[in-house]
């Protein structure tokens, strides 16, 4: 038998997809280097999961509305006296200082504590839902609702005549029909946005059974 009749030697190829084999978790790329594997898609802005980023956006909107509302209320209590008005748009919109112990249109003025509890529960519920949101428009809308509810809750807790019975500062008079504040504008805008998003079928949270992407894992160095 000559050398031409001898069987050819088989070439052994290491399978990288064998469970437990070195490099199975990272795979291989041309050139011999390990490929970086991730446990799932990550946010384009970094490794922060989208849910946390959107929650922070909602909190930022809420904080901005809270600060603007309280600043304008401080201005109103300092610049406007009893029955003093400032014309903004003729008689359509003017500034008029009013302390409201009740709800919209001065309803429920004798049960202020009920609105204190309601504002606190609403703020907690909106915050909890904002934590689960996975839609940017929903995050902004819930941020407006959260900021308005939190500002009203602060008025109920800390303003006169006492803790838990505080009166909300209203100063934007709409033709004598309604007197409100910046927080009311934010709540109205947030509520309208929620209705529009719901009507258009835009989901606020992920469908049931869908898991949030996790942060990428560190690449595993292949062993000899």
Protein backbone atom coordinates (compact mmCIF):
# COMPACT_ATOMS: atom_id res chain seq x y z
CA UNK A 1 0.00 0.00 0.00
CA UNK A 2 1.54 3.31 -0.99
CA UNK A 3 1.05 6.69 0.66
CA UNK A 4 -1.75 7.54 -1.74
CA UNK A 5 -3.89 4.73 -0.35
CA UNK A 6 -3.65 5.90 3.26
CA UNK A 7 -6.80 7.50 4.69
CA UNK A 8 -6.59 11.23 5.12
CA UNK A 9 -6.36 12.53 8.64
CA UNK A 10 -9.51 14.15 9.91
CA UNK A 11 -9.37 17.73 11.01
CA UNK A 12 -10.85 18.37 14.40
CA UNK A 13 -12.90 21.53 14.70
CA UNK A 14 -13.83 22.84 18.12
CA UNK A 15 -17.48 23.62 18.41
CA UNK A 16 -18.04 26.89 20.16
CA UNK A 17 -21.71 26.28 20.70
CA UNK A 18 -21.27 23.23 22.91
CA UNK A 19 -22.83 23.93 26.32
CA UNK A 20 -20.12 24.38 28.93
CA UNK A 21 -17.32 24.71 26.37
CA UNK A 22 -14.90 27.60 26.83
CA UNK A 23 -15.96 30.57 24.81
CA UNK A 24 -19.52 29.24 24.39
CA UNK A 25 -20.95 32.26 26.15
CA UNK A 26 -19.12 34.80 24.06
CA UNK A 27 -18.67 33.02 20.71
CA UNK A 28 -15.82 33.66 18.31
CA UNK A 29 -15.17 36.24 15.65
CA UNK A 30 -12.74 36.25 12.73
CA UNK A 31 -9.28 37.05 14.03
CA UNK A 32 -9.51 34.88 17.10
CA UNK A 33 -10.94 37.46 19.50
CA UNK A 34 -13.99 36.79 21.68
CA UNK A 35 -17.25 38.45 20.71
CA UNK A 36 -19.07 40.47 23.35
CA UNK A 37 -22.50 39.03 24.17
CA UNK A 38 -25.36 40.86 25.76
CA UNK A 39 -28.32 39.51 27.64
CA UNK A 40 -30.69 41.62 25.59
CA UNK A 41 -31.06 44.96 23.78
CA UNK A 42 -29.91 48.02 25.68
CA UNK A 43 -30.87 51.65 25.51
CA UNK A 44 -29.07 53.67 22.86
CA UNK A 45 -28.10 56.24 25.48
CA UNK A 46 -26.21 53.74 27.66
CA UNK A 47 -26.82 50.72 29.82
CA UNK A 48 -29.76 52.18 31.74
CA UNK A 49 -32.95 50.17 31.04
CA UNK A 50 -35.57 52.16 29.12
CA UNK A 51 -38.06 51.91 31.98
CA UNK A 52 -35.77 53.68 34.43
CA UNK A 53 -34.88 56.36 31.90
CA UNK A 54 -38.54 57.11 31.22
CA UNK A 55 -39.31 57.18 34.95
CA UNK A 56 -36.57 59.75 35.44
CA UNK A 57 -38.05 61.79 32.60
CA UNK A 58 -41.46 61.71 34.30
CA UNK A 59 -39.88 62.81 37.59
CA UNK A 60 -38.04 65.65 35.83
CA UNK A 61 -41.29 66.93 34.29
CA UNK A 62 -43.06 66.62 37.64
CA UNK A 63 -40.30 68.48 39.48
CA UNK A 64 -40.25 71.28 36.88
CA UNK A 65 -44.02 71.76 37.16
CA UNK A 66 -43.85 71.65 40.97
CA UNK A 67 -41.17 74.35 41.11
CA UNK A 68 -42.90 76.63 38.60
CA UNK A 69 -46.25 76.24 40.35
CA UNK A 70 -44.88 77.00 43.81
CA UNK A 71 -42.83 79.94 42.50
CA UNK A 72 -45.85 81.53 40.82
CA UNK A 73 -47.94 80.97 43.95
CA UNK A 74 -45.26 82.70 46.01
CA UNK A 75 -45.36 85.62 43.58
CA UNK A 76 -49.15 85.78 43.72
CA UNK A 77 -49.28 85.86 47.53
CA UNK A 78 -46.61 88.58 47.55
CA UNK A 79 -47.84 90.79 44.70
CA UNK A 80 -51.60 90.44 44.89
CA UNK A 81 -53.65 91.72 47.79
CA UNK A 82 -57.29 91.17 48.63
CA UNK A 83 -59.52 91.94 45.64
CA UNK A 84 -56.55 93.30 43.68
CA UNK A 85 -56.46 92.27 40.04
CA UNK A 86 -53.99 92.47 37.17
CA UNK A 87 -55.40 92.40 33.67
CA UNK A 88 -53.56 89.94 31.41
CA UNK A 89 -55.86 89.49 28.40
CA UNK A 90 -58.56 92.09 28.95
CA UNK A 91 -61.31 90.64 31.09
CA UNK A 92 -60.75 87.15 29.67
CA UNK A 93 -57.69 86.29 31.78
CA UNK A 94 -56.58 88.21 34.83
CA UNK A 95 -54.67 87.60 38.04
CA UNK A 96 -56.83 87.47 41.16
CA UNK A 97 -55.65 85.94 44.44
CA UNK A 98 -57.99 83.32 45.90
CA UNK A 99 -57.40 80.74 48.68
CA UNK A 100 -59.40 77.63 47.84
CA UNK A 101 -60.19 75.17 50.67
CA UNK A 102 -62.12 72.85 48.35
CA UNK A 103 -61.84 71.40 44.88
CA UNK A 104 -62.48 72.94 41.49
CA UNK A 105 -65.21 75.59 41.46
CA UNK A 106 -64.84 75.75 45.29
CA UNK A 107 -66.74 72.52 45.81
CA UNK A 108 -66.39 70.67 49.11
CA UNK A 109 -65.02 73.61 51.09
CA UNK A 110 -66.03 72.02 54.39
CA UNK A 111 -64.08 68.78 53.93
CA UNK A 112 -60.58 69.97 53.08
CA UNK A 113 -58.97 66.92 54.67
CA UNK A 114 -60.69 64.68 52.11
CA UNK A 115 -58.91 66.50 49.29
CA UNK A 116 -55.64 66.24 51.20
CA UNK A 117 -55.97 62.45 51.34
CA UNK A 118 -57.08 62.29 47.73
CA UNK A 119 -54.12 64.38 46.52
CA UNK A 120 -51.67 62.19 48.45
CA UNK A 121 -53.15 58.93 47.15
CA UNK A 122 -53.23 60.33 43.61
CA UNK A 123 -49.56 61.34 43.76
CA UNK A 124 -48.51 57.87 44.97
CA UNK A 125 -50.66 56.07 42.39
CA UNK A 126 -49.38 58.20 39.50
CA UNK A 127 -45.79 57.70 40.64
CA UNK A 128 -46.27 53.93 40.79
CA UNK A 129 -47.76 53.86 37.30
CA UNK A 130 -45.00 56.12 35.95
CA UNK A 131 -42.46 53.55 37.19
CA UNK A 132 -44.03 50.94 34.87
CA UNK A 133 -44.45 53.17 31.81
CA UNK A 134 -42.57 52.26 28.62
CA UNK A 135 -43.74 55.10 26.35
CA UNK A 136 -42.13 58.54 26.16
CA UNK A 137 -45.41 60.47 25.57
CA UNK A 138 -46.97 58.61 28.48
CA UNK A 139 -43.98 59.47 30.68
CA UNK A 140 -44.40 63.18 29.97
CA UNK A 141 -48.15 63.05 30.50
CA UNK A 142 -47.81 61.23 33.81
CA UNK A 143 -45.07 63.67 34.82
CA UNK A 144 -47.52 66.55 34.40
CA UNK A 145 -50.17 64.75 36.43
CA UNK A 146 -47.66 63.84 39.12
CA UNK A 147 -46.28 67.36 39.39
CA UNK A 148 -49.73 68.92 39.69
CA UNK A 149 -50.97 66.39 42.24
CA UNK A 150 -47.79 66.73 44.33
CA UNK A 151 -47.97 70.52 44.35
CA UNK A 152 -51.60 70.47 45.44
CA UNK A 153 -50.75 67.91 48.12
CA UNK A 154 -48.04 70.23 49.43
CA UNK A 155 -50.52 73.10 49.65
CA UNK A 156 -52.96 70.93 51.58
CA UNK A 157 -50.29 69.83 54.02
CA UNK A 158 -48.30 72.98 54.65
CA UNK A 159 -50.38 76.08 53.97
CA UNK A 160 -52.73 77.90 56.30
CA UNK A 161 -54.94 77.42 58.21
CA UNK A 162 -53.22 74.23 59.38
CA UNK A 163 -51.54 70.92 58.62
CA UNK A 164 -53.72 68.77 56.37
CA UNK A 165 -56.28 71.57 56.03
CA UNK A 166 -54.30 74.01 53.89
CA UNK A 167 -55.92 76.11 51.21
CA UNK A 168 -54.67 75.92 47.63
CA UNK A 169 -53.46 79.22 46.17
CA UNK A 170 -55.36 80.09 42.97
CA UNK A 171 -54.68 83.28 41.04
CA UNK A 172 -55.44 82.78 37.32
CA UNK A 173 -59.01 83.97 36.75
CA UNK A 174 -60.68 82.84 33.53
CA UNK A 175 -63.46 85.40 32.97
CA UNK A 176 -64.80 84.76 36.46
CA UNK A 177 -65.77 81.23 35.47
CA UNK A 178 -62.83 79.48 37.09
CA UNK A 179 -59.78 80.51 39.15
CA UNK A 180 -56.82 78.16 39.00
CA UNK A 181 -53.04 77.97 39.03
CA UNK A 182 -50.12 76.56 37.02
CA UNK A 183 -50.56 73.08 38.55
CA UNK A 184 -54.13 73.00 37.21
CA UNK A 185 -52.81 73.80 33.73
CA UNK A 186 -50.34 70.93 33.99
CA UNK A 187 -52.99 68.50 35.22
CA UNK A 188 -55.33 69.52 32.40
CA UNK A 189 -52.59 69.13 29.77
CA UNK A 190 -51.59 65.74 31.20
CA UNK A 191 -55.18 64.49 31.27
CA UNK A 192 -55.80 65.58 27.67
CA UNK A 193 -52.58 63.88 26.57
CA UNK A 194 -53.60 60.64 28.31
CA UNK A 195 -56.98 60.69 26.54
CA UNK A 196 -55.35 61.29 23.15
CA UNK A 197 -52.82 58.50 23.67
CA UNK A 198 -55.55 56.10 24.78
CA UNK A 199 -57.71 57.02 21.78
CA UNK A 200 -54.79 56.41 19.41
CA UNK A 201 -54.10 53.01 21.01
CA UNK A 202 -50.61 53.85 22.28
CA UNK A 203 -49.77 51.48 25.12
CA UNK A 204 -48.33 52.92 28.34
CA UNK A 205 -46.66 49.69 29.48
CA UNK A 206 -45.24 46.56 27.89
CA UNK A 207 -47.66 43.79 26.89
CA UNK A 208 -48.05 41.02 29.50
CA UNK A 209 -45.19 38.53 29.51
CA UNK A 210 -42.62 40.85 27.99
CA UNK A 211 -39.51 41.34 30.10
CA UNK A 212 -37.48 44.52 30.34
CA UNK A 213 -34.05 44.33 28.69
CA UNK A 214 -31.27 43.73 31.16
CA UNK A 215 -27.88 45.34 31.32
CA UNK A 216 -25.08 43.75 29.25
CA UNK A 217 -22.93 41.10 30.84
CA UNK A 218 -19.17 41.31 30.99
CA UNK A 219 -17.40 39.37 28.22
CA UNK A 220 -15.94 36.05 29.37
CA UNK A 221 -12.31 35.43 28.50
CA UNK A 222 -11.76 32.06 26.79
CA UNK A 223 -9.67 29.59 28.73
CA UNK A 224 -6.93 27.36 27.33
